[in-house]
């Protein structure tokens, strides 16, 4: 399908960084396609260990931590050494790496781990890891985490894919958080409301306020925690691309969605969604007082999984919002230095219409 209009192509003044990043949209050891060379993989180190090492290195390069080894060790305590393929990443390494640029352009680093060893009804090990990620230190906090497991996982199908994921976040000034994600798409809306009445009520009120008419189940619920205490929850729903009409008619009119709506409406003619049209999903988050929203784009469905398409996307983002995309080059360098490969899988936008937050999600190759 055709690309976006010529007027949207990156200008000369903004294309250099975009092209440099896009030319290595998959960061790997291969140089056959003109991608940046990576260091040879150290003998005896598994792909998961190499990725964790690169992740720690990146935390230092971005200035969000000063001890790369400590960051890598923390990630490996969550992953262990997986024995089967991850649904989250589509690889044998169950870790998604994400780089966020907030509305001021300040970077933060996150990862999400698919607990591929989790089994329905066998929660002890997963619960221990979740409590560690969340920073639970008291009996009351530990009990609340066990309650979350019961509310979201009790009765889940034995073959439910990726039922539990854990996240780690590292921000400027030593700030951090843990996140626990539960897959909830197996629950009907009324079943979810029975299990989580307060969350369901808040979610419904926010959707009605901003005219969000998405049908269907909440696919995933995540809980952000720091020091064992809940700081926010967030829900995720699939959102079909809307050819022939603006995204606001499906996603609603929350002001946080203006940047993503602009991106969608500009690039939708170049999108190639699959049969189920799972090319977008909508996140709604609530911190107890404020509700925020953002939209995630699956890059392969939007033609951004090749260097030309990605350069076009990054050029648009750079020109429209004036973010410094140099942190993406730091990610490329860290991954290459440790012989690991990643590809851009998702991008999320939300917030200020003039300068939104941008988050880039990378999956191992």
Protein backbone atom coordinates (compact mmCIF):
# COMPACT_ATOMS: atom_id res chain seq x y z
CA UNK A 1 0.00 0.00 0.00
CA UNK A 2 1.08 3.57 -0.51
CA UNK A 3 3.07 5.57 1.97
CA UNK A 4 1.93 8.83 3.49
CA UNK A 5 1.74 11.99 1.37
CA UNK A 6 4.97 13.56 0.17
CA UNK A 7 4.44 16.51 2.48
CA UNK A 8 4.90 14.17 5.42
CA UNK A 9 8.32 12.93 4.35
CA UNK A 10 11.21 13.81 6.67
CA UNK A 11 12.94 17.05 5.84
CA UNK A 12 16.66 17.26 5.32
CA UNK A 13 17.16 18.99 8.66
CA UNK A 14 15.56 16.15 10.63
CA UNK A 15 16.40 13.10 8.59
CA UNK A 16 19.97 12.37 9.69
CA UNK A 17 19.20 10.92 13.12
CA UNK A 18 16.02 9.25 11.88
CA UNK A 19 17.83 7.57 9.01
CA UNK A 20 20.69 6.44 11.27
CA UNK A 21 18.24 4.74 13.61
CA UNK A 22 16.05 3.34 10.88
CA UNK A 23 18.98 1.85 9.01
CA UNK A 24 19.33 -0.47 12.00
CA UNK A 25 15.67 -0.95 12.80
CA UNK A 26 16.69 -4.48 13.65
CA UNK A 27 19.88 -4.28 15.69
CA UNK A 28 21.82 -7.48 15.16
CA UNK A 29 25.26 -8.88 14.61
CA UNK A 30 24.64 -9.02 10.88
CA UNK A 31 26.13 -6.41 8.57
CA UNK A 32 24.70 -7.92 5.40
CA UNK A 33 21.94 -5.33 5.20
CA UNK A 34 23.99 -2.33 6.20
CA UNK A 35 23.05 -2.56 9.87
CA UNK A 36 25.44 -1.60 12.60
CA UNK A 37 27.82 -4.44 13.55
CA UNK A 38 27.41 -5.99 16.96
CA UNK A 39 30.11 -7.46 19.10
CA UNK A 40 30.45 -11.22 18.84
CA UNK A 41 28.35 -13.05 21.42
CA UNK A 42 30.58 -14.08 24.36
CA UNK A 43 30.98 -17.83 24.61
CA UNK A 44 28.81 -19.51 27.24
CA UNK A 45 26.45 -16.57 27.71
CA UNK A 46 22.83 -17.25 26.85
CA UNK A 47 20.73 -14.82 24.81
CA UNK A 48 18.79 -13.84 27.95
CA UNK A 49 21.99 -13.06 29.85
CA UNK A 50 23.33 -11.02 26.93
CA UNK A 51 20.13 -9.00 26.73
CA UNK A 52 20.15 -8.38 30.48
CA UNK A 53 23.76 -7.22 30.27
CA UNK A 54 22.93 -4.87 27.39
CA UNK A 55 19.92 -3.57 29.34
CA UNK A 56 22.13 -2.72 32.31
CA UNK A 57 24.64 -1.03 30.01
CA UNK A 58 21.84 1.00 28.44
CA UNK A 59 20.63 2.16 31.86
CA UNK A 60 24.09 3.67 32.42
CA UNK A 61 24.31 5.17 28.93
CA UNK A 62 20.95 6.88 29.47
CA UNK A 63 21.97 8.17 32.89
CA UNK A 64 19.12 6.51 34.79
CA UNK A 65 21.44 4.22 36.80
CA UNK A 66 25.16 4.09 37.52
CA UNK A 67 25.60 0.34 38.15
CA UNK A 68 25.02 -1.72 35.01
CA UNK A 69 25.66 -5.02 36.79
CA UNK A 70 23.04 -4.37 39.45
CA UNK A 71 20.40 -3.62 36.80
CA UNK A 72 21.28 -6.75 34.82
CA UNK A 73 21.17 -8.89 37.97
CA UNK A 74 17.76 -7.52 38.93
CA UNK A 75 16.38 -8.38 35.50
CA UNK A 76 17.84 -11.90 35.60
CA UNK A 77 16.29 -12.54 39.01
CA UNK A 78 12.91 -11.99 37.36
CA UNK A 79 13.53 -13.93 34.14
CA UNK A 80 15.50 -16.90 35.38
CA UNK A 81 16.61 -18.88 32.33
CA UNK A 82 13.48 -19.56 30.26
CA UNK A 83 12.90 -23.00 28.80
CA UNK A 84 10.27 -22.22 26.20
CA UNK A 85 9.36 -19.57 23.65
CA UNK A 86 7.73 -16.31 24.78
CA UNK A 87 4.41 -15.21 23.33
CA UNK A 88 5.18 -11.59 24.30
CA UNK A 89 8.34 -11.31 22.21
CA UNK A 90 7.99 -14.19 19.76
CA UNK A 91 11.48 -15.36 20.70
CA UNK A 92 13.32 -17.51 23.23
CA UNK A 93 14.14 -14.35 25.24
CA UNK A 94 11.03 -13.34 27.20
CA UNK A 95 11.99 -9.68 27.69
CA UNK A 96 10.54 -6.60 26.00
CA UNK A 97 12.75 -3.51 26.35
CA UNK A 98 11.15 -0.07 26.15
CA UNK A 99 12.55 3.43 26.03
CA UNK A 100 10.29 6.33 26.94
CA UNK A 101 10.80 10.02 26.19
CA UNK A 102 8.44 12.00 28.41
CA UNK A 103 6.81 15.29 27.49
CA UNK A 104 10.02 17.11 28.44
CA UNK A 105 12.14 14.68 26.40
CA UNK A 106 13.65 13.02 29.50
CA UNK A 107 14.38 9.31 28.90
CA UNK A 108 13.42 6.42 31.13
CA UNK A 109 14.04 2.72 30.65
CA UNK A 110 11.64 -0.16 31.21
CA UNK A 111 11.32 -3.85 30.53
CA UNK A 112 8.51 -6.40 30.69
CA UNK A 113 9.18 -10.08 31.38
CA UNK A 114 6.87 -12.84 30.22
CA UNK A 115 6.89 -15.40 33.04
CA UNK A 116 6.94 -18.36 30.68
CA UNK A 117 7.34 -20.75 33.61
CA UNK A 118 4.05 -19.69 35.25
CA UNK A 119 1.42 -22.41 35.51
CA UNK A 120 -2.25 -21.92 36.44
CA UNK A 121 -2.83 -22.80 40.06
CA UNK A 122 0.90 -22.98 40.79
CA UNK A 123 1.55 -19.44 41.90
CA UNK A 124 4.19 -19.71 44.59
CA UNK A 125 7.26 -18.88 42.46
CA UNK A 126 5.45 -16.28 40.35
CA UNK A 127 4.03 -14.63 43.47
CA UNK A 128 7.49 -14.42 45.02
CA UNK A 129 8.86 -12.72 41.91
CA UNK A 130 5.91 -10.33 41.73
CA UNK A 131 6.38 -9.31 45.37
CA UNK A 132 10.07 -8.68 44.69
CA UNK A 133 9.39 -6.54 41.59
CA UNK A 134 6.75 -4.55 43.49
CA UNK A 135 9.03 -3.97 46.48
CA UNK A 136 6.70 -5.64 48.99
CA UNK A 137 8.32 -5.53 52.44
CA UNK A 138 5.42 -6.03 54.88
CA UNK A 139 2.95 -8.79 55.49
CA UNK A 140 0.10 -6.51 54.49
CA UNK A 141 1.71 -5.72 51.14
CA UNK A 142 2.44 -9.39 50.51
CA UNK A 143 -1.19 -10.27 51.27
CA UNK A 144 -2.47 -7.60 48.87
CA UNK A 145 -0.33 -9.04 46.10
CA UNK A 146 -1.73 -12.50 46.80
CA UNK A 147 -5.21 -10.95 46.55
CA UNK A 148 -4.40 -9.55 43.11
CA UNK A 149 -3.31 -13.00 41.96
CA UNK A 150 -6.54 -14.52 43.23
CA UNK A 151 -8.75 -11.83 41.63
CA UNK A 152 -7.13 -12.10 38.20
CA UNK A 153 -5.99 -15.70 37.88
CA UNK A 154 -8.45 -17.86 39.82
CA UNK A 155 -10.29 -20.04 37.33
CA UNK A 156 -8.14 -18.99 34.37
CA UNK A 157 -7.98 -21.53 31.51
CA UNK A 158 -5.02 -23.89 31.74
CA UNK A 159 -3.95 -22.92 28.22
CA UNK A 160 -4.26 -19.14 28.72
CA UNK A 161 -1.29 -17.61 26.85
CA UNK A 162 1.05 -15.29 28.76
CA UNK A 163 -1.21 -15.02 31.84
CA UNK A 164 1.33 -13.06 33.90
CA UNK A 165 4.07 -10.55 33.10
CA UNK A 166 6.31 -8.45 35.34
CA UNK A 167 7.84 -5.07 34.58
CA UNK A 168 10.79 -3.06 35.88
CA UNK A 169 11.16 0.69 35.36
CA UNK A 170 14.15 2.99 35.82
CA UNK A 171 13.82 6.76 35.73
CA UNK A 172 15.98 9.82 36.17
CA UNK A 173 17.27 10.56 39.66
CA UNK A 174 17.07 6.95 40.77
CA UNK A 175 13.29 6.74 40.46
CA UNK A 176 11.85 3.33 39.76
CA UNK A 177 8.79 1.13 39.82
CA UNK A 178 7.60 -2.42 39.38
CA UNK A 179 4.57 -3.49 37.37
CA UNK A 180 2.49 -6.65 37.50
CA UNK A 181 0.42 -7.44 34.39
CA UNK A 182 -2.43 -9.96 34.25
CA UNK A 183 -4.11 -11.20 31.09
CA UNK A 184 -7.85 -10.73 31.58
CA UNK A 185 -9.30 -11.16 28.08
CA UNK A 186 -10.74 -14.51 29.13
CA UNK A 187 -13.18 -12.68 31.46
CA UNK A 188 -16.42 -11.20 30.16
CA UNK A 189 -16.99 -7.54 31.14
CA UNK A 190 -19.60 -8.54 33.73
CA UNK A 191 -17.23 -11.13 35.23
CA UNK A 192 -14.46 -8.55 35.44
CA UNK A 193 -16.83 -6.11 37.15
CA UNK A 194 -17.72 -8.76 39.74
CA UNK A 195 -14.07 -9.42 40.54
CA UNK A 196 -12.85 -5.80 40.34
CA UNK A 197 -15.88 -3.54 40.91
CA UNK A 198 -14.02 -0.31 41.73
CA UNK A 199 -11.69 -0.58 38.75
CA UNK A 200 -14.54 -1.49 36.39
CA UNK A 201 -16.64 1.44 37.61
CA UNK A 202 -13.78 3.93 37.15
CA UNK A 203 -12.99 2.52 33.71
CA UNK A 204 -16.63 2.73 32.59
CA UNK A 205 -16.98 6.29 33.85
CA UNK A 206 -13.85 7.40 31.97
CA UNK A 207 -14.97 5.72 28.76
CA UNK A 208 -18.39 7.36 28.91
CA UNK A 209 -16.90 10.77 29.70
CA UNK A 210 -14.71 10.77 26.61
CA UNK A 211 -16.97 8.86 24.23
CA UNK A 212 -14.88 5.71 23.98
CA UNK A 213 -17.17 3.03 22.57
CA UNK A 214 -14.79 0.09 22.32
CA UNK A 215 -16.61 -3.20 22.72
CA UNK A 216 -15.11 -6.37 24.07
CA UNK A 217 -13.04 -7.44 26.99
CA UNK A 218 -10.17 -5.73 28.76
CA UNK A 219 -7.27 -7.80 27.45
CA UNK A 220 -4.67 -6.89 30.08
CA UNK A 221 -4.61 -5.06 33.41
CA UNK A 222 -1.36 -3.74 34.86
CA UNK A 223 -0.56 -2.44 38.34
CA UNK A 224 2.33 -0.01 38.93
CA UNK A 225 3.84 -0.28 42.40
CA UNK A 226 6.69 1.38 44.29
CA UNK A 227 7.81 0.26 47.72
CA UNK A 228 5.01 -2.30 47.71
CA UNK A 229 2.30 0.36 47.34
CA UNK A 230 0.01 0.81 44.34
CA UNK A 231 0.65 4.02 42.40
CA UNK A 232 -1.58 3.41 39.35
CA UNK A 233 -3.48 0.76 37.42
CA UNK A 234 -3.87 0.58 33.66
CA UNK A 235 -6.07 -1.32 31.24
CA UNK A 236 -5.50 -2.36 27.64
CA UNK A 237 -8.09 -2.96 24.91
CA UNK A 238 -7.69 -3.80 21.23
CA UNK A 239 -8.51 -0.87 18.95
CA UNK A 240 -9.17 -1.45 15.22
CA UNK A 241 -7.66 0.95 12.71
CA UNK A 242 -10.32 3.26 11.29
CA UNK A 243 -9.99 3.69 7.55
CA UNK A 244 -12.33 6.36 6.25
CA UNK A 245 -12.92 8.01 9.61
CA UNK A 246 -10.86 9.57 12.37
CA UNK A 247 -9.59 7.52 15.26
CA UNK A 248 -11.51 9.68 17.74
CA UNK A 249 -14.77 8.08 16.61
CA UNK A 250 -13.55 4.78 18.09
CA UNK A 251 -11.04 5.71 20.78
CA UNK A 252 -12.85 8.75 22.14
CA UNK A 253 -11.94 12.37 22.71
CA UNK A 254 -9.57 12.32 25.68
CA UNK A 255 -7.05 15.12 24.99
CA UNK A 256 -4.15 12.72 25.60
CA UNK A 257 -5.10 10.94 22.37
CA UNK A 258 -4.67 13.91 20.05
CA UNK A 259 -1.06 13.05 19.05
CA UNK A 260 -1.91 9.39 18.35
CA UNK A 261 -5.04 10.40 16.44
CA UNK A 262 -2.95 12.67 14.25
CA UNK A 263 -0.45 9.86 13.59
CA UNK A 264 -3.22 7.35 12.85
CA UNK A 265 -5.11 9.61 10.48
CA UNK A 266 -1.96 10.48 8.55
CA UNK A 267 -0.61 6.94 8.15
CA UNK A 268 -3.81 4.86 8.07
CA UNK A 269 -3.82 4.57 4.28
CA UNK A 270 -0.42 2.84 4.50
CA UNK A 271 -1.49 0.45 7.26
CA UNK A 272 -1.70 -3.28 6.60
CA UNK A 273 -3.70 -4.67 9.52
CA UNK A 274 -4.19 -8.42 9.78
CA UNK A 275 -7.51 -10.29 9.60
CA UNK A 276 -8.34 -9.54 13.25
CA UNK A 277 -7.17 -5.92 12.81
CA UNK A 278 -5.12 -6.01 15.98
CA UNK A 279 -2.95 -3.14 14.82
CA UNK A 280 -3.60 -0.80 17.77
CA UNK A 281 -4.47 -0.96 21.41
CA UNK A 282 -5.69 1.65 23.85
CA UNK A 283 -4.26 2.10 27.34
CA UNK A 284 -6.23 3.85 30.08
CA UNK A 285 -4.38 4.51 33.34
CA UNK A 286 -5.62 5.86 36.65
CA UNK A 287 -3.53 6.97 39.64
CA UNK A 288 -6.38 7.52 42.06
CA UNK A 289 -7.17 11.04 40.89
CA UNK A 290 -6.22 11.44 37.23
CA UNK A 291 -7.07 9.34 34.19
CA UNK A 292 -4.60 9.29 31.29
CA UNK A 293 -4.69 7.54 27.92
CA UNK A 294 -2.31 6.55 25.16
CA UNK A 295 -2.41 4.45 22.00
CA UNK A 296 0.01 1.71 20.98
CA UNK A 297 0.78 1.02 17.31
CA UNK A 298 2.12 -2.39 16.20
CA UNK A 299 4.88 -1.35 13.81
CA UNK A 300 4.57 -4.32 11.43
CA UNK A 301 0.90 -3.47 10.82
CA UNK A 302 1.77 0.12 9.90
CA UNK A 303 4.68 -0.44 7.55
CA UNK A 304 7.26 0.74 10.09
CA UNK A 305 9.13 -2.57 10.28
CA UNK A 306 11.50 -1.75 7.42
CA UNK A 307 14.09 1.05 7.24
CA UNK A 308 12.14 3.21 4.77
CA UNK A 309 8.90 3.05 6.73
CA UNK A 310 10.63 3.60 10.04
CA UNK A 311 12.59 6.58 8.74
CA UNK A 312 9.31 8.09 7.60
CA UNK A 313 7.76 7.57 11.04
CA UNK A 314 10.75 8.94 12.95
CA UNK A 315 10.99 11.91 10.63
CA UNK A 316 7.35 12.73 11.33
CA UNK A 317 7.84 12.42 15.09
CA UNK A 318 10.99 14.49 15.12
CA UNK A 319 9.59 17.23 12.91
CA UNK A 320 6.21 17.37 14.62
CA UNK A 321 7.27 17.18 18.26
CA UNK A 322 10.96 18.17 18.31
CA UNK A 323 12.04 15.27 20.49
CA UNK A 324 15.73 14.45 20.53
CA UNK A 325 15.88 10.84 19.33
CA UNK A 326 19.51 10.33 20.34
CA UNK A 327 18.53 7.93 23.18
CA UNK A 328 17.49 5.46 20.46
CA UNK A 329 21.06 5.50 19.19
CA UNK A 330 22.26 4.75 22.74
CA UNK A 331 19.98 1.70 22.73
CA UNK A 332 21.37 0.60 19.40
CA UNK A 333 24.92 0.95 20.69
CA UNK A 334 24.28 -0.96 23.92
CA UNK A 335 22.63 -3.88 22.17
CA UNK A 336 25.36 -4.10 19.54
CA UNK A 337 28.09 -3.94 22.18
CA UNK A 338 26.79 -7.09 23.84
CA UNK A 339 25.99 -9.14 20.78
CA UNK A 340 22.23 -9.08 21.10
CA UNK A 341 19.58 -8.19 18.53
CA UNK A 342 16.27 -6.37 18.91
CA UNK A 343 13.61 -5.05 16.56
CA UNK A 344 11.11 -2.25 17.05
CA UNK A 345 7.75 -3.87 17.75
CA UNK A 346 5.54 -1.09 19.14
CA UNK A 347 5.40 2.65 19.56
CA UNK A 348 3.05 4.46 21.96
CA UNK A 349 1.99 8.12 22.04
CA UNK A 350 0.02 10.06 24.59
CA UNK A 351 -0.19 13.35 26.44
CA UNK A 352 0.46 16.91 25.37
CA UNK A 353 -0.67 17.59 21.81
CA UNK A 354 2.37 19.80 21.19
CA UNK A 355 4.98 17.47 22.70
CA UNK A 356 3.63 14.08 23.75
CA UNK A 357 5.42 11.28 25.50
CA UNK A 358 6.84 8.71 23.08
CA UNK A 359 7.64 5.13 24.04
CA UNK A 360 9.48 2.67 21.79
CA UNK A 361 9.17 -1.08 22.49
CA UNK A 362 11.80 -3.51 21.30
CA UNK A 363 11.60 -7.30 21.02
CA UNK A 364 14.59 -9.69 20.87
CA UNK A 365 15.43 -11.32 17.56
